[in-house]
Protein backbone atom coordinates (compact mmCIF):
# COMPACT_ATOMS: atom_id res chain seq x y z
CA MET A 1 0.00 0.00 0.00
CA ILE A 2 2.76 2.45 0.93
CA ASN A 3 6.42 2.61 0.04
CA ASN A 4 7.76 0.71 3.03
CA LYS A 5 11.28 2.07 2.48
CA LEU A 6 9.97 5.30 3.98
CA PHE A 7 9.52 3.67 7.37
CA GLU A 8 11.50 1.73 9.92
CA LYS A 9 9.48 -1.32 10.87
CA GLU A 10 11.46 -2.43 13.92
CA GLY A 11 10.04 -1.87 17.40
CA PRO A 12 6.55 -1.82 18.91
CA ILE A 13 3.33 -0.92 17.10
CA PHE A 14 0.22 0.84 18.33
CA MET A 15 -2.15 -1.73 19.82
CA GLY A 16 -4.30 -3.63 17.35
CA SER A 17 -2.80 -2.03 14.28
CA ASN A 18 -1.60 -5.34 12.85
CA LYS A 19 -5.15 -6.23 11.80
CA THR A 20 -5.33 -7.26 8.15
CA ASN A 21 -9.04 -7.96 7.79
CA MET A 22 -10.27 -4.39 8.24
CA ASP A 23 -10.90 -1.65 5.70
CA LEU A 24 -8.26 0.93 6.55
CA ASN A 25 -9.19 4.56 7.22
CA ILE A 26 -6.22 5.84 9.24
CA GLY A 27 -2.47 5.62 8.68
CA ILE A 28 -0.18 6.10 11.68
CA PHE A 29 3.51 6.89 11.54
CA GLY A 30 6.11 8.20 13.98
CA VAL A 31 8.75 10.88 13.55
CA ASN A 32 11.61 10.28 16.01
CA TYR A 33 13.04 13.79 15.90
CA ASP A 34 14.02 16.38 18.52
CA GLY A 35 16.74 18.32 16.73
CA THR A 36 15.47 21.81 17.64
CA THR A 37 14.44 21.10 21.22
CA SER A 38 15.05 24.29 23.18
CA TYR A 39 15.02 23.03 26.79
CA LYS A 40 15.09 19.30 27.58
CA SER A 41 15.53 16.83 24.74
CA GLY A 42 14.15 13.32 24.46
CA THR A 43 11.04 13.64 22.28
CA ARG A 44 12.69 11.36 19.72
CA PHE A 45 11.68 8.55 22.09
CA GLY A 46 8.03 9.66 22.09
CA PRO A 47 6.60 7.56 19.24
CA ASN A 48 7.72 4.22 20.64
CA ALA A 49 6.70 5.24 24.17
CA ILE A 50 3.17 5.92 22.90
CA ARG A 51 3.12 2.52 21.20
CA MET A 52 4.39 0.71 24.29
CA ALA A 53 1.95 2.48 26.61
CA SER A 54 -0.97 1.70 24.30
CA GLN A 55 -0.70 -1.92 25.39
CA SER A 56 -1.98 -0.87 28.83
CA LEU A 57 -5.23 0.60 27.50
CA GLU A 58 -8.64 -0.95 26.92
CA THR A 59 -9.76 -0.87 23.30
CA TYR A 60 -13.17 0.55 24.29
CA CYS A 61 -13.84 4.23 25.11
CA PRO A 62 -17.07 4.79 27.08
CA ILE A 63 -17.05 8.54 26.36
CA LEU A 64 -17.03 8.10 22.57
CA ASN A 65 -18.76 4.69 22.69
CA LYS A 66 -16.30 3.23 20.20
CA ASP A 67 -13.98 0.24 20.19
CA LEU A 68 -10.62 0.10 18.42
CA ASN A 69 -11.35 -3.52 17.50
CA GLU A 70 -14.03 -2.24 15.13
CA LEU A 71 -11.91 0.46 13.45
CA GLY A 72 -9.47 0.28 10.54
CA TYR A 73 -6.05 1.77 11.26
CA LEU A 74 -2.48 0.72 10.60
CA ASP A 75 0.82 1.76 12.20
CA PHE A 76 3.43 1.92 9.42
CA GLY A 77 6.34 2.45 11.79
CA SER A 78 8.58 5.49 12.18
CA LEU A 79 9.85 7.61 9.35
CA SER A 80 13.45 7.18 8.17
CA ILE A 81 14.92 10.67 8.56
CA ASP A 82 18.12 12.70 8.48
CA LEU A 83 18.58 13.78 12.09
CA THR A 84 20.98 16.59 11.18
CA ASN A 85 18.63 18.82 9.18
CA THR A 86 15.23 20.07 10.34
CA GLU A 87 14.10 21.20 6.89
CA SER A 88 14.86 17.79 5.41
CA VAL A 89 12.80 16.15 8.20
CA ILE A 90 9.86 18.44 7.41
CA ASN A 91 10.19 17.62 3.71
CA LYS A 92 10.22 13.89 4.48
CA VAL A 93 7.12 14.28 6.67
CA ASN A 94 5.45 16.09 3.77
CA TYR A 95 6.37 13.25 1.40
CA ALA A 96 5.18 10.51 3.77
CA THR A 97 1.91 12.33 4.52
CA LYS A 98 1.25 12.65 0.79
CA HIS A 99 1.64 8.88 0.42
CA ILE A 100 -0.84 8.36 3.26
CA ILE A 101 -3.51 10.68 1.88
CA ASP A 102 -3.03 9.49 -1.70
CA LYS A 103 -4.23 6.12 -0.42
CA ASN A 104 -7.34 7.78 1.09
CA LEU A 105 -6.05 7.35 4.64
CA LYS A 106 -6.18 10.00 7.31
CA PRO A 107 -2.75 10.71 8.82
CA LEU A 108 -2.06 10.39 12.54
CA LEU A 109 1.51 11.25 13.51
CA PHE A 110 3.37 10.47 16.70
CA GLY A 111 6.18 12.92 17.50
CA GLY A 112 8.84 13.86 18.09
CA GLU A 113 8.92 17.60 18.35
CA HIS A 114 6.39 20.10 17.06
CA SER A 115 8.35 21.13 13.96
CA ILE A 116 6.91 18.08 12.16
CA THR A 117 3.45 19.66 11.89
CA THR A 118 4.60 22.00 9.13
CA GLY A 119 5.36 19.04 6.87
CA VAL A 120 1.92 17.52 7.40
CA VAL A 121 0.17 20.81 6.62
CA GLN A 122 2.27 21.24 3.47
CA ALA A 123 0.91 17.92 2.19
CA LEU A 124 -2.68 18.37 3.33
CA ILE A 125 -3.30 21.77 1.74
CA LYS A 126 -2.74 20.26 -1.71
CA LYS A 127 -5.83 18.12 -1.17
CA TYR A 128 -7.66 20.44 1.25
CA PRO A 129 -7.04 24.10 0.28
CA ASP A 130 -9.71 25.17 2.80
CA LEU A 131 -7.92 23.42 5.68
CA ILE A 132 -8.50 24.73 9.23
CA LEU A 133 -5.79 24.19 11.85
CA LEU A 134 -6.52 23.65 15.56
CA GLN A 135 -3.64 23.77 18.03
CA LEU A 136 -3.71 22.55 21.63
CA ASP A 137 -0.51 23.84 23.18
CA ALA A 138 1.02 25.75 26.07
CA HIS A 139 3.17 27.81 23.69
CA ALA A 140 2.26 30.03 20.76
CA ASP A 141 5.02 28.72 18.44
CA LEU A 142 4.70 31.88 16.32
CA ARG A 143 8.31 33.09 16.29
CA ASP A 144 9.68 33.89 12.88
CA SER A 145 12.99 32.30 13.81
CA TYR A 146 14.48 30.73 16.92
CA LEU A 147 18.21 30.11 17.44
CA ASN A 148 18.70 31.02 13.77
CA ASN A 149 16.35 28.26 12.62
CA LYS A 150 13.10 29.23 10.87
CA PHE A 151 11.98 25.60 11.11
CA SER A 152 12.38 25.32 14.88
CA HIS A 153 9.54 23.87 16.92
CA ALA A 154 9.13 27.42 18.28
CA CYS A 155 8.22 28.62 14.76
CA THR A 156 5.78 25.89 13.68
CA MET A 157 2.55 27.87 13.77
CA LYS A 158 4.15 30.82 12.00
CA ARG A 159 5.27 28.54 9.14
CA CYS A 160 1.80 26.94 9.02
CA PHE A 161 0.10 30.34 8.99
CA GLU A 162 2.22 31.37 6.02
CA ILE A 163 1.24 28.37 3.91
CA LEU A 164 -2.41 27.85 4.88
CA PRO A 165 -4.46 29.27 1.97
CA LYS A 166 -7.19 30.57 4.30
CA GLN A 167 -4.78 31.38 7.15
CA THR A 168 -7.29 30.04 9.64
CA ILE A 169 -5.77 28.77 12.88
CA PHE A 170 -7.42 28.46 16.28
CA GLN A 171 -4.91 28.28 19.15
CA ILE A 172 -6.52 26.81 22.24
CA GLY A 173 -5.16 27.23 25.74
CA ILE A 174 -1.91 29.04 24.88
CA ARG A 175 -0.37 30.40 28.07
CA SER A 176 3.23 31.17 27.13
CA GLY A 177 4.88 33.28 24.45
CA THR A 178 6.37 36.64 23.61
CA LYS A 179 4.36 39.85 23.59
CA ASP A 180 4.62 39.90 19.78
CA GLU A 181 3.18 36.41 19.60
CA PHE A 182 0.22 37.28 21.83
CA ASP A 183 -0.38 40.49 19.88
CA PHE A 184 -0.42 38.44 16.67
CA MET A 185 -2.93 35.94 18.07
CA ARG A 186 -5.20 38.69 19.37
CA ASN A 187 -5.04 40.67 16.13
CA LYS A 188 -5.97 37.56 14.15
CA THR A 189 -8.65 36.60 16.73
CA GLN A 190 -7.24 33.08 16.74
CA LEU A 191 -6.51 32.77 20.48
CA ILE A 192 -9.05 30.86 22.56
CA LYS A 193 -7.97 31.15 26.19
CA PHE A 194 -10.01 28.08 27.14
CA GLU A 195 -11.84 28.57 30.36
CA GLU A 196 -14.06 25.56 29.89
CA LYS A 197 -17.62 26.81 30.43
CA LYS A 198 -17.15 29.99 28.42
CA ASP A 199 -14.59 29.01 25.83
CA ILE A 200 -15.95 25.60 24.87
CA LYS A 201 -19.00 27.53 23.72
CA LEU A 202 -16.73 30.04 21.94
CA LEU A 203 -14.81 27.23 20.20
CA ASN A 204 -18.06 25.68 19.00
CA GLU A 205 -19.29 29.05 17.74
CA LYS A 206 -16.07 29.68 15.82
CA LEU A 207 -16.03 26.22 14.27
CA SER A 208 -19.71 26.47 13.31
CA ASN A 209 -18.61 28.87 10.57
CA PHE A 210 -16.54 26.03 9.09
CA LYS A 211 -19.01 23.17 9.37
CA SER A 212 -17.97 21.58 6.08
CA SER A 213 -14.29 22.51 6.24
CA PRO A 214 -11.56 19.92 6.84
CA ILE A 215 -9.84 20.31 10.22
CA TYR A 216 -6.34 19.26 11.26
CA LEU A 217 -5.60 18.98 14.99
CA THR A 218 -2.12 19.27 16.47
CA VAL A 219 -1.78 18.28 20.13
CA ASP A 220 1.35 19.42 21.92
CA LEU A 221 1.26 17.44 25.16
CA ASP A 222 2.50 20.42 27.18
CA TRP A 223 -1.07 21.73 26.76
CA PHE A 224 -1.85 19.44 29.67
CA ASP A 225 -0.86 20.52 33.15
CA PRO A 226 2.62 19.26 34.14
CA SER A 227 1.08 17.57 37.17
CA LEU A 228 -0.61 15.22 34.69
CA VAL A 229 2.03 15.19 31.92
CA PRO A 230 5.48 15.98 33.36
CA GLY A 231 7.15 14.08 30.51
CA THR A 232 7.57 16.94 28.09
CA GLY A 233 10.58 19.10 27.28
CA THR A 234 9.02 22.48 28.08
CA PRO A 235 6.40 22.01 30.83
CA GLU A 236 4.24 25.04 31.60
CA PRO A 237 2.18 25.43 34.82
CA GLY A 238 -1.50 26.28 34.60
CA GLY A 239 -2.46 23.63 32.05
CA TYR A 240 -5.41 21.38 31.41
CA PHE A 241 -6.69 17.96 32.39
CA TRP A 242 -8.32 14.95 30.79
CA LYS A 243 -11.87 16.24 31.23
CA ASP A 244 -10.89 19.38 29.33
CA PHE A 245 -9.60 17.25 26.47
CA GLU A 246 -12.80 15.21 26.47
CA SER A 247 -14.89 18.37 26.17
CA ILE A 248 -12.93 19.34 23.04
CA LEU A 249 -13.28 15.82 21.62
CA LYS A 250 -17.05 16.02 21.95
CA ILE A 251 -17.02 19.11 19.76
CA LEU A 252 -14.58 17.68 17.21
CA ASN A 253 -16.76 14.61 16.75
CA GLN A 254 -19.31 16.95 15.16
CA TYR A 255 -16.84 18.20 12.55
CA LYS A 256 -14.65 16.94 9.71
CA LEU A 257 -11.36 15.95 11.32
CA ILE A 258 -9.04 14.75 8.54
CA GLY A 259 -5.75 14.34 10.39
CA ALA A 260 -3.89 14.90 13.65
CA ASP A 261 -0.57 14.71 15.41
CA ILE A 262 0.60 14.19 18.99
CA VAL A 263 3.93 15.84 19.74
CA GLU A 264 6.48 16.74 22.43
CA LEU A 265 6.27 13.61 24.58
CA SER A 266 9.64 13.13 26.29
CA PRO A 267 9.06 9.86 28.14
CA GLU A 268 12.38 9.64 29.95
CA LEU A 269 11.48 12.78 31.91
CA ASP A 270 8.61 10.92 33.60
CA SER A 271 9.74 7.82 35.45
CA SER A 272 6.12 6.98 36.38
CA GLY A 273 5.16 6.42 32.74
CA VAL A 274 1.91 8.34 33.20
CA SER A 275 2.77 10.89 30.49
CA SER A 276 3.13 8.11 27.94
CA ILE A 277 -0.18 6.57 29.01
CA VAL A 278 -1.93 9.94 28.60
CA ALA A 279 -0.36 10.31 25.15
CA ALA A 280 -1.49 6.81 24.17
CA LYS A 281 -5.00 7.57 25.36
CA VAL A 282 -4.98 10.78 23.30
CA ALA A 283 -3.99 8.62 20.33
CA ARG A 284 -6.82 6.17 20.99
CA SER A 285 -9.32 9.04 21.18
CA LEU A 286 -8.02 10.60 17.96
CA ILE A 287 -8.24 7.31 16.06
CA MET A 288 -11.89 7.09 17.11
CA THR A 289 -12.55 10.71 16.13
CA LEU A 290 -10.75 10.41 12.79
CA ASP A 291 -12.86 7.35 12.01
CA ASN A 292 -15.97 9.49 12.40
CA LEU A 293 -16.52 10.12 8.67
């Protein structure tokens, strides 16, 4: 189905993804890259940690009332990449994502650091020029350049904004960034502070204007509070919890989610393993949401 030379097949796979008797809807791949990490490194170990932790989960989700055993998804492994060049990694992600969507599969990526999102968006806008981007994150990631690298994980949303034809991004729960970044978000009315009772309604109202538009979701795990997910390279106090994520999922299940990524898990920073379990549960939920249409 897909050029297997793109992917390294060794190592664990996401639970249940070795099924061969299901019609496939979702293609999973990992990107073991943390070359622009600006605080603590280790996100290159994230994809396999998500896969390993997935073995601890039940296949059934009572919130979404879905079971992974009834869904068609396949983990193709992790992308073969050049660890010395961020732009080449992004280009390879673009290439691999194109292969996934050309086979009518929805991409779900396990990172790795947040820079990989740019490559996915580059591929998706060719098929979906009206693409809408949703970002769950602690950080704005809107710098034009960071440490002389325009493709740093700190610049991801700026690069995505530049290439999105409709330049429509909703940034949910951002609580860290420069003054220029916050001014940019406010001027573009793309910042949703996310105080659940008020801003869940606001998110739904904003998305209601794009009922038929394709949506891509990028989940930086530092969106969650570090008391829940300490295993990330740049933890930020004042974050969110699983119930907050569930409330967003309930909304997204009403819309056209066509792809997603989970980034910035640094499993070795959390000896308890809870961060990896949360990331795996995010992955399970996103598989179920992506299978919605």
